[in-house]
Amino acid sequence: LVESGGGLVQAGGSVSLSCAASGRTLSSYNVGWFRQ
């Protein structure tokens, strides 16, 4: 799994993150987002 699309964003704006999967089809799994 490889995330992309992050960076600096202004409060009140918007940002879109993507997560591309390889090796197996993503449809095999539940998926989630987490943060730290």
Full PDB file with SEQRES, HELIX, SHEET, SSBOND, CRYST1, ORIGX, SCALE, CONECT and MASTER records, all heavy atoms in Angstrom:
SEQRES   1 A   36  LEU VAL GLU SER GLY GLY GLY LEU VAL GLN ALA GLY GLY          
SEQRES   2 A   36  SER VAL SER LEU SER CYS ALA ALA SER GLY ARG THR LEU          
SEQRES   3 A   36  SER SER TYR ASN VAL GLY TRP PHE ARG GLN                      
HELIX    1 AA1 LEU A   26  SER A   28  5                                   3    
SHEET    1 AA1 2 VAL A   2  SER A   4  0                                        
SHEET    2 AA1 2 SER A  18  ALA A  20 -1                                        
CRYST1    1.000    1.000    1.000  90.00  90.00  90.00 P 1           1          
ORIGX1      1.000000  0.000000  0.000000        0.00000                         
ORIGX2      0.000000  1.000000  0.000000        0.00000                         
ORIGX3      0.000000  0.000000  1.000000        0.00000                         
SCALE1      1.000000  0.000000  0.000000        0.00000                         
SCALE2      0.000000  1.000000  0.000000        0.00000                         
SCALE3      0.000000  0.000000  1.000000        0.00000                         
ATOM      1  N   LEU A   1       0.840  -1.182   0.000  1.00  0.00           N  
ATOM      2  CA  LEU A   1       0.000   0.000   0.000  1.00  0.00           C  
ATOM      3  C   LEU A   1       0.879   1.236   0.000  1.00  0.00           C  
ATOM      4  O   LEU A   1       1.817   1.339   0.792  1.00  0.00           O  
ATOM      5  CB  LEU A   1      -0.908   0.021   1.238  1.00  0.00           C  
ATOM      6  CG  LEU A   1      -1.813  -1.192   1.438  1.00  0.00           C  
ATOM      7  CD1 LEU A   1      -2.526  -1.098   2.786  1.00  0.00           C  
ATOM      8  CD2 LEU A   1      -2.827  -1.303   0.309  1.00  0.00           C  
ATOM      9  N   VAL A   2       0.566   2.171  -0.873  1.00  0.00           N  
ATOM     10  CA  VAL A   2       1.341   3.390  -1.004  1.00  0.00           C  
ATOM     11  C   VAL A   2       0.398   4.576  -1.029  1.00  0.00           C  
ATOM     12  O   VAL A   2      -0.456   4.689  -1.916  1.00  0.00           O  
ATOM     13  CB  VAL A   2       2.217   3.385  -2.265  1.00  0.00           C  
ATOM     14  CG1 VAL A   2       3.007   4.692  -2.355  1.00  0.00           C  
ATOM     15  CG2 VAL A   2       3.171   2.201  -2.254  1.00  0.00           C  
ATOM     16  N   GLU A   3       0.573   5.480  -0.070  1.00  0.00           N  
ATOM     17  CA  GLU A   3      -0.243   6.676  -0.002  1.00  0.00           C  
ATOM     18  C   GLU A   3       0.346   7.774  -0.878  1.00  0.00           C  
ATOM     19  O   GLU A   3       1.561   7.839  -1.086  1.00  0.00           O  
ATOM     20  CB  GLU A   3      -0.349   7.192   1.438  1.00  0.00           C  
ATOM     21  CG  GLU A   3      -0.928   6.198   2.432  1.00  0.00           C  
ATOM     22  CD  GLU A   3       0.127   5.393   3.153  1.00  0.00           C  
ATOM     23  OE1 GLU A   3       1.274   5.335   2.660  1.00  0.00           O  
ATOM     24  OE2 GLU A   3      -0.186   4.827   4.219  1.00  0.00           O  
ATOM     25  N   SER A   4      -0.513   8.652  -1.335  1.00  0.00           N  
ATOM     26  CA  SER A   4      -0.080   9.813  -2.093  1.00  0.00           C  
ATOM     27  C   SER A   4      -1.097  10.929  -1.913  1.00  0.00           C  
ATOM     28  O   SER A   4      -2.230  10.694  -1.494  1.00  0.00           O  
ATOM     29  CB  SER A   4       0.098   9.491  -3.576  1.00  0.00           C  
ATOM     30  OG  SER A   4      -1.129   9.095  -4.168  1.00  0.00           O  
ATOM     31  N   GLY A   5      -0.674  12.145  -2.232  1.00  0.00           N  
ATOM     32  CA  GLY A   5      -1.581  13.274  -2.217  1.00  0.00           C  
ATOM     33  C   GLY A   5      -1.505  14.165  -0.996  1.00  0.00           C  
ATOM     34  O   GLY A   5      -2.222  15.159  -0.917  1.00  0.00           O  
ATOM     35  N   GLY A   6      -0.662  13.831  -0.043  1.00  0.00           N  
ATOM     36  CA  GLY A   6      -0.558  14.636   1.152  1.00  0.00           C  
ATOM     37  C   GLY A   6       0.258  15.891   0.923  1.00  0.00           C  
ATOM     38  O   GLY A   6       0.721  16.178  -0.178  1.00  0.00           O  
ATOM     39  N   GLY A   7       0.415  16.627   1.983  1.00  0.00           N  
ATOM     40  CA  GLY A   7       1.186  17.853   1.920  1.00  0.00           C  
ATOM     41  C   GLY A   7       0.607  18.913   2.819  1.00  0.00           C  
ATOM     42  O   GLY A   7      -0.037  18.624   3.823  1.00  0.00           O  
ATOM     43  N   LEU A   8       0.844  20.148   2.436  1.00  0.00           N  
ATOM     44  CA  LEU A   8       0.389  21.298   3.205  1.00  0.00           C  
ATOM     45  C   LEU A   8      -0.940  21.790   2.657  1.00  0.00           C  
ATOM     46  O   LEU A   8      -1.097  21.972   1.446  1.00  0.00           O  
ATOM     47  CB  LEU A   8       1.425  22.417   3.156  1.00  0.00           C  
ATOM     48  CG  LEU A   8       1.089  23.707   3.893  1.00  0.00           C  
ATOM     49  CD1 LEU A   8       0.999  23.456   5.391  1.00  0.00           C  
ATOM     50  CD2 LEU A   8       2.134  24.768   3.587  1.00  0.00           C  
ATOM     51  N   VAL A   9      -1.879  22.004   3.546  1.00  0.00           N  
ATOM     52  CA  VAL A   9      -3.189  22.505   3.157  1.00  0.00           C  
ATOM     53  C   VAL A   9      -3.611  23.584   4.139  1.00  0.00           C  
ATOM     54  O   VAL A   9      -3.294  23.523   5.328  1.00  0.00           O  
ATOM     55  CB  VAL A   9      -4.228  21.365   3.098  1.00  0.00           C  
ATOM     56  CG1 VAL A   9      -4.399  20.716   4.462  1.00  0.00           C  
ATOM     57  CG2 VAL A   9      -5.558  21.874   2.573  1.00  0.00           C  
ATOM     58  N   GLN A  10      -4.314  24.562   3.641  1.00  0.00           N  
ATOM     59  CA  GLN A  10      -4.813  25.632   4.486  1.00  0.00           C  
ATOM     60  C   GLN A  10      -6.081  25.188   5.200  1.00  0.00           C  
ATOM     61  O   GLN A  10      -6.910  24.468   4.649  1.00  0.00           O  
ATOM     62  CB  GLN A  10      -5.092  26.878   3.645  1.00  0.00           C  
ATOM     63  CG  GLN A  10      -5.540  28.090   4.447  1.00  0.00           C  
ATOM     64  CD  GLN A  10      -5.754  29.307   3.570  1.00  0.00           C  
ATOM     65  OE1 GLN A  10      -5.276  29.360   2.436  1.00  0.00           O  
ATOM     66  NE2 GLN A  10      -6.466  30.295   4.084  1.00  0.00           N  
ATOM     67  N   ALA A  11      -6.218  25.613   6.440  1.00  0.00           N  
ATOM     68  CA  ALA A  11      -7.435  25.319   7.181  1.00  0.00           C  
ATOM     69  C   ALA A  11      -8.653  25.800   6.411  1.00  0.00           C  
ATOM     70  O   ALA A  11      -8.667  26.904   5.865  1.00  0.00           O  
ATOM     71  CB  ALA A  11      -7.387  25.966   8.559  1.00  0.00           C  
ATOM     72  N   GLY A  12      -9.660  24.953   6.358  1.00  0.00           N  
ATOM     73  CA  GLY A  12     -10.860  25.284   5.626  1.00  0.00           C  
ATOM     74  C   GLY A  12     -10.827  24.875   4.167  1.00  0.00           C  
ATOM     75  O   GLY A  12     -11.850  24.995   3.473  1.00  0.00           O  
ATOM     76  N   GLY A  13      -9.688  24.414   3.702  1.00  0.00           N  
ATOM     77  CA  GLY A  13      -9.560  23.964   2.331  1.00  0.00           C  
ATOM     78  C   GLY A  13      -9.923  22.502   2.200  1.00  0.00           C  
ATOM     79  O   GLY A  13     -10.820  21.990   2.869  1.00  0.00           O  
ATOM     80  N   SER A  14      -9.208  21.823   1.333  1.00  0.00           N  
ATOM     81  CA  SER A  14      -9.458  20.407   1.137  1.00  0.00           C  
ATOM     82  C   SER A  14      -8.196  19.725   0.656  1.00  0.00           C  
ATOM     83  O   SER A  14      -7.311  20.351   0.072  1.00  0.00           O  
ATOM     84  CB  SER A  14     -10.596  20.170   0.136  1.00  0.00           C  
ATOM     85  OG  SER A  14     -10.248  20.645  -1.151  1.00  0.00           O  
ATOM     86  N   VAL A  15      -8.128  18.454   0.907  1.00  0.00           N  
ATOM     87  CA  VAL A  15      -7.019  17.651   0.450  1.00  0.00           C  
ATOM     88  C   VAL A  15      -7.528  16.242   0.198  1.00  0.00           C  
ATOM     89  O   VAL A  15      -8.404  15.751   0.917  1.00  0.00           O  
ATOM     90  CB  VAL A  15      -5.856  17.648   1.473  1.00  0.00           C  
ATOM     91  CG1 VAL A  15      -6.308  17.079   2.811  1.00  0.00           C  
ATOM     92  CG2 VAL A  15      -4.656  16.891   0.937  1.00  0.00           C  
ATOM     93  N   SER A  16      -7.005  15.616  -0.833  1.00  0.00           N  
ATOM     94  CA  SER A  16      -7.405  14.265  -1.194  1.00  0.00           C  
ATOM     95  C   SER A  16      -6.206  13.343  -1.111  1.00  0.00           C  
ATOM     96  O   SER A  16      -5.161  13.616  -1.696  1.00  0.00           O  
ATOM     97  CB  SER A  16      -7.989  14.233  -2.610  1.00  0.00           C  
ATOM     98  OG  SER A  16      -9.166  15.003  -2.702  1.00  0.00           O  
ATOM     99  N   LEU A  17      -6.369  12.269  -0.391  1.00  0.00           N  
ATOM    100  CA  LEU A  17      -5.346  11.245  -0.289  1.00  0.00           C  
ATOM    101  C   LEU A  17      -5.762  10.018  -1.071  1.00  0.00           C  
ATOM    102  O   LEU A  17      -6.942   9.655  -1.097  1.00  0.00           O  
ATOM    103  CB  LEU A  17      -5.108  10.853   1.170  1.00  0.00           C  
ATOM    104  CG  LEU A  17      -4.734  11.963   2.148  1.00  0.00           C  
ATOM    105  CD1 LEU A  17      -4.479  11.373   3.528  1.00  0.00           C  
ATOM    106  CD2 LEU A  17      -3.517  12.734   1.651  1.00  0.00           C  
ATOM    107  N   SER A  18      -4.799   9.389  -1.686  1.00  0.00           N  
ATOM    108  CA  SER A  18      -5.023   8.148  -2.391  1.00  0.00           C  
ATOM    109  C   SER A  18      -4.127   7.072  -1.804  1.00  0.00           C  
ATOM    110  O   SER A  18      -3.059   7.358  -1.270  1.00  0.00           O  
ATOM    111  CB  SER A  18      -4.729   8.294  -3.886  1.00  0.00           C  
ATOM    112  OG  SER A  18      -5.576   9.246  -4.488  1.00  0.00           O  
ATOM    113  N   CYS A  19      -4.575   5.858  -1.918  1.00  0.00           N  
ATOM    114  CA  CYS A  19      -3.797   4.714  -1.472  1.00  0.00           C  
ATOM    115  C   CYS A  19      -3.903   3.645  -2.538  1.00  0.00           C  
ATOM    116  O   CYS A  19      -4.975   3.065  -2.741  1.00  0.00           O  
ATOM    117  CB  CYS A  19      -4.309   4.207  -0.124  1.00  0.00           C  
ATOM    118  SG  CYS A  19      -3.479   2.716   0.467  1.00  0.00           S  
ATOM    119  N   ALA A  20      -2.806   3.397  -3.214  1.00  0.00           N  
ATOM    120  CA  ALA A  20      -2.768   2.409  -4.281  1.00  0.00           C  
ATOM    121  C   ALA A  20      -2.243   1.086  -3.752  1.00  0.00           C  
ATOM    122  O   ALA A  20      -1.231   1.041  -3.051  1.00  0.00           O  
ATOM    123  CB  ALA A  20      -1.892   2.903  -5.429  1.00  0.00           C  
ATOM    124  N   ALA A  21      -2.926   0.024  -4.099  1.00  0.00           N  
ATOM    125  CA  ALA A  21      -2.540  -1.309  -3.669  1.00  0.00           C  
ATOM    126  C   ALA A  21      -1.937  -2.078  -4.826  1.00  0.00           C  
ATOM    127  O   ALA A  21      -2.327  -1.920  -5.985  1.00  0.00           O  
ATOM    128  CB  ALA A  21      -3.743  -2.065  -3.115  1.00  0.00           C  
ATOM    129  N   SER A  22      -0.995  -2.919  -4.503  1.00  0.00           N  
ATOM    130  CA  SER A  22      -0.389  -3.797  -5.490  1.00  0.00           C  
ATOM    131  C   SER A  22      -0.084  -5.137  -4.842  1.00  0.00           C  
ATOM    132  O   SER A  22      -0.006  -5.247  -3.620  1.00  0.00           O  
ATOM    133  CB  SER A  22       0.886  -3.184  -6.079  1.00  0.00           C  
ATOM    134  OG  SER A  22       1.862  -2.960  -5.071  1.00  0.00           O  
ATOM    135  N   GLY A  23       0.090  -6.126  -5.662  1.00  0.00           N  
ATOM    136  CA  GLY A  23       0.370  -7.463  -5.161  1.00  0.00           C  
ATOM    137  C   GLY A  23      -0.866  -8.337  -5.074  1.00  0.00           C  
ATOM    138  O   GLY A  23      -0.806  -9.528  -5.389  1.00  0.00           O  
ATOM    139  N   ARG A  24      -1.954  -7.757  -4.635  1.00  0.00           N  
ATOM    140  CA  ARG A  24      -3.236  -8.432  -4.580  1.00  0.00           C  
ATOM    141  C   ARG A  24      -4.341  -7.436  -4.872  1.00  0.00           C  
ATOM    142  O   ARG A  24      -4.149  -6.228  -4.712  1.00  0.00           O  
ATOM    143  CB  ARG A  24      -3.467  -9.101  -3.222  1.00  0.00           C  
ATOM    144  CG  ARG A  24      -2.576 -10.289  -2.951  1.00  0.00           C  
ATOM    145  CD  ARG A  24      -2.972 -10.994  -1.670  1.00  0.00           C  
ATOM    146  NE  ARG A  24      -2.147 -12.158  -1.417  1.00  0.00           N  
ATOM    147  CZ  ARG A  24      -2.275 -12.954  -0.372  1.00  0.00           C  
ATOM    148  NH1 ARG A  24      -3.204 -12.709   0.543  1.00  0.00           N  
ATOM    149  NH2 ARG A  24      -1.475 -13.997  -0.221  1.00  0.00           N  
ATOM    150  N   THR A  25      -5.469  -7.942  -5.260  1.00  0.00           N  
ATOM    151  CA  THR A  25      -6.589  -7.065  -5.559  1.00  0.00           C  
ATOM    152  C   THR A  25      -7.149  -6.494  -4.269  1.00  0.00           C  
ATOM    153  O   THR A  25      -7.354  -7.206  -3.281  1.00  0.00           O  
ATOM    154  CB  THR A  25      -7.678  -7.807  -6.329  1.00  0.00           C  
ATOM    155  OG1 THR A  25      -8.110  -8.947  -5.574  1.00  0.00           O  
ATOM    156  CG2 THR A  25      -7.147  -8.280  -7.671  1.00  0.00           C  
ATOM    157  N   LEU A  26      -7.414  -5.211  -4.295  1.00  0.00           N  
ATOM    158  CA  LEU A  26      -7.911  -4.539  -3.115  1.00  0.00           C  
ATOM    159  C   LEU A  26      -9.308  -5.006  -2.730  1.00  0.00           C  
ATOM    160  O   LEU A  26      -9.698  -4.909  -1.565  1.00  0.00           O  
ATOM    161  CB  LEU A  26      -7.897  -3.026  -3.331  1.00  0.00           C  
ATOM    162  CG  LEU A  26      -8.078  -2.137  -2.106  1.00  0.00           C  
ATOM    163  CD1 LEU A  26      -6.955  -2.366  -1.100  1.00  0.00           C  
ATOM    164  CD2 LEU A  26      -8.142  -0.675  -2.525  1.00  0.00           C  
ATOM    165  N   SER A  27     -10.042  -5.529  -3.693  1.00  0.00           N  
ATOM    166  CA  SER A  27     -11.400  -5.983  -3.424  1.00  0.00           C  
ATOM    167  C   SER A  27     -11.457  -7.143  -2.441  1.00  0.00           C  
ATOM    168  O   SER A  27     -12.531  -7.462  -1.934  1.00  0.00           O  
ATOM    169  CB  SER A  27     -12.098  -6.376  -4.727  1.00  0.00           C  
ATOM    170  OG  SER A  27     -11.427  -7.450  -5.363  1.00  0.00           O  
ATOM    171  N   SER A  28     -10.328  -7.758  -2.168  1.00  0.00           N  
ATOM    172  CA  SER A  28     -10.290  -8.856  -1.212  1.00  0.00           C  
ATOM    173  C   SER A  28     -10.390  -8.386   0.234  1.00  0.00           C  
ATOM    174  O   SER A  28     -10.573  -9.212   1.125  1.00  0.00           O  
ATOM    175  CB  SER A  28      -8.996  -9.657  -1.386  1.00  0.00           C  
ATOM    176  OG  SER A  28      -8.915 -10.236  -2.675  1.00  0.00           O  
ATOM    177  N   TYR A  29     -10.269  -7.083   0.459  1.00  0.00           N  
ATOM    178  CA  TYR A  29     -10.083  -6.587   1.813  1.00  0.00           C  
ATOM    179  C   TYR A  29     -11.021  -5.451   2.183  1.00  0.00           C  
ATOM    180  O   TYR A  29     -11.354  -4.595   1.353  1.00  0.00           O  
ATOM    181  CB  TYR A  29      -8.655  -6.068   1.992  1.00  0.00           C  
ATOM    182  CG  TYR A  29      -7.578  -7.032   1.574  1.00  0.00           C  
ATOM    183  CD1 TYR A  29      -6.858  -6.831   0.404  1.00  0.00           C  
ATOM    184  CD2 TYR A  29      -7.278  -8.125   2.362  1.00  0.00           C  
ATOM    185  CE1 TYR A  29      -5.861  -7.709   0.027  1.00  0.00           C  
ATOM    186  CE2 TYR A  29      -6.281  -9.012   1.985  1.00  0.00           C  
ATOM    187  CZ  TYR A  29      -5.577  -8.792   0.821  1.00  0.00           C  
ATOM    188  OH  TYR A  29      -4.580  -9.669   0.443  1.00  0.00           O  
ATOM    189  N   ASN A  30     -11.393  -5.434   3.451  1.00  0.00           N  
ATOM    190  CA  ASN A  30     -11.824  -4.180   4.055  1.00  0.00           C  
ATOM    191  C   ASN A  30     -10.602  -3.259   4.119  1.00  0.00           C  
ATOM    192  O   ASN A  30      -9.470  -3.721   4.289  1.00  0.00           O  
ATOM    193  CB  ASN A  30     -12.347  -4.405   5.468  1.00  0.00           C  
ATOM    194  CG  ASN A  30     -13.574  -5.276   5.506  1.00  0.00           C  
ATOM    195  OD1 ASN A  30     -14.364  -5.324   4.564  1.00  0.00           O  
ATOM    196  ND2 ASN A  30     -13.760  -5.967   6.628  1.00  0.00           N  
ATOM    197  N   VAL A  31     -10.823  -1.976   3.993  1.00  0.00           N  
ATOM    198  CA  VAL A  31      -9.720  -1.028   4.038  1.00  0.00           C  
ATOM    199  C   VAL A  31     -10.065   0.094   4.991  1.00  0.00           C  
ATOM    200  O   VAL A  31     -11.236   0.403   5.216  1.00  0.00           O  
ATOM    201  CB  VAL A  31      -9.377  -0.465   2.646  1.00  0.00           C  
ATOM    202  CG1 VAL A  31      -8.894  -1.580   1.733  1.00  0.00           C  
ATOM    203  CG2 VAL A  31     -10.579   0.236   2.018  1.00  0.00           C  
ATOM    204  N   GLY A  32      -9.026   0.708   5.534  1.00  0.00           N  
ATOM    205  CA  GLY A  32      -9.243   1.773   6.482  1.00  0.00           C  
ATOM    206  C   GLY A  32      -8.176   2.848   6.389  1.00  0.00           C  
ATOM    207  O   GLY A  32      -7.113   2.652   5.790  1.00  0.00           O  
ATOM    208  N   TRP A  33      -8.492   3.979   6.979  1.00  0.00           N  
ATOM    209  CA  TRP A  33      -7.553   5.078   7.127  1.00  0.00           C  
ATOM    210  C   TRP A  33      -7.334   5.342   8.605  1.00  0.00           C  
ATOM    211  O   TRP A  33      -8.280   5.327   9.406  1.00  0.00           O  
ATOM    212  CB  TRP A  33      -8.066   6.350   6.456  1.00  0.00           C  
ATOM    213  CG  TRP A  33      -7.961   6.333   4.964  1.00  0.00           C  
ATOM    214  CD1 TRP A  33      -8.928   5.982   4.072  1.00  0.00           C  
ATOM    215  CD2 TRP A  33      -6.817   6.698   4.185  1.00  0.00           C  
ATOM    216  NE1 TRP A  33      -8.458   6.101   2.792  1.00  0.00           N  
ATOM    217  CE2 TRP A  33      -7.166   6.540   2.831  1.00  0.00           C  
ATOM    218  CE3 TRP A  33      -5.529   7.144   4.502  1.00  0.00           C  
ATOM    219  CZ2 TRP A  33      -6.278   6.810   1.781  1.00  0.00           C  
ATOM    220  CZ3 TRP A  33      -4.640   7.410   3.467  1.00  0.00           C  
ATOM    221  CH2 TRP A  33      -5.017   7.247   2.135  1.00  0.00           C  
ATOM    222  N   PHE A  34      -6.098   5.617   8.936  1.00  0.00           N  
ATOM    223  CA  PHE A  34      -5.702   5.903  10.303  1.00  0.00           C  
ATOM    224  C   PHE A  34      -4.778   7.108  10.294  1.00  0.00           C  
ATOM    225  O   PHE A  34      -4.260   7.497   9.249  1.00  0.00           O  
ATOM    226  CB  PHE A  34      -5.000   4.691  10.928  1.00  0.00           C  
ATOM    227  CG  PHE A  34      -5.855   3.458  10.966  1.00  0.00           C  
ATOM    228  CD1 PHE A  34      -6.010   2.662   9.842  1.00  0.00           C  
ATOM    229  CD2 PHE A  34      -6.518   3.100  12.127  1.00  0.00           C  
ATOM    230  CE1 PHE A  34      -6.801   1.528   9.864  1.00  0.00           C  
ATOM    231  CE2 PHE A  34      -7.313   1.961  12.170  1.00  0.00           C  
ATOM    232  CZ  PHE A  34      -7.455   1.180  11.040  1.00  0.00           C  
ATOM    233  N   ARG A  35      -4.564   7.680  11.453  1.00  0.00           N  
ATOM    234  CA  ARG A  35      -3.645   8.793  11.530  1.00  0.00           C  
ATOM    235  C   ARG A  35      -2.929   8.778  12.867  1.00  0.00           C  
ATOM    236  O   ARG A  35      -3.411   8.209  13.851  1.00  0.00           O  
ATOM    237  CB  ARG A  35      -4.369  10.129  11.330  1.00  0.00           C  
ATOM    238  CG  ARG A  35      -5.275  10.539  12.487  1.00  0.00           C  
ATOM    239  CD  ARG A  35      -6.002  11.829  12.163  1.00  0.00           C  
ATOM    240  NE  ARG A  35      -6.720  12.362  13.304  1.00  0.00           N  
ATOM    241  CZ  ARG A  35      -7.485  13.442  13.267  1.00  0.00           C  
ATOM    242  NH1 ARG A  35      -7.633  14.119  12.129  1.00  0.00           N  
ATOM    243  NH2 ARG A  35      -8.109  13.863  14.360  1.00  0.00           N  
ATOM    244  N   GLN A  36      -1.773   9.418  12.881  1.00  0.00           N  
ATOM    245  CA  GLN A  36      -0.988   9.533  14.097  1.00  0.00           C  
ATOM    246  C   GLN A  36      -0.385  10.924  14.154  1.00  0.00           C  
ATOM    247  O   GLN A  36       0.435  11.286  13.315  1.00  0.00           O  
ATOM    248  CB  GLN A  36       0.099   8.465  14.165  1.00  0.00           C  
ATOM    249  CG  GLN A  36       0.824   8.418  15.495  1.00  0.00           C  
ATOM    250  CD  GLN A  36       1.653   7.160  15.649  1.00  0.00           C  
ATOM    251  OE1 GLN A  36       1.996   6.495  14.683  1.00  0.00           O  
ATOM    252  NE2 GLN A  36       1.981   6.823  16.887  1.00  0.00           N  
TER     253      GLN A  36                                                      
MASTER        0    0    0    1    2    0    0    6  252    1    0    3          
END                                                                             
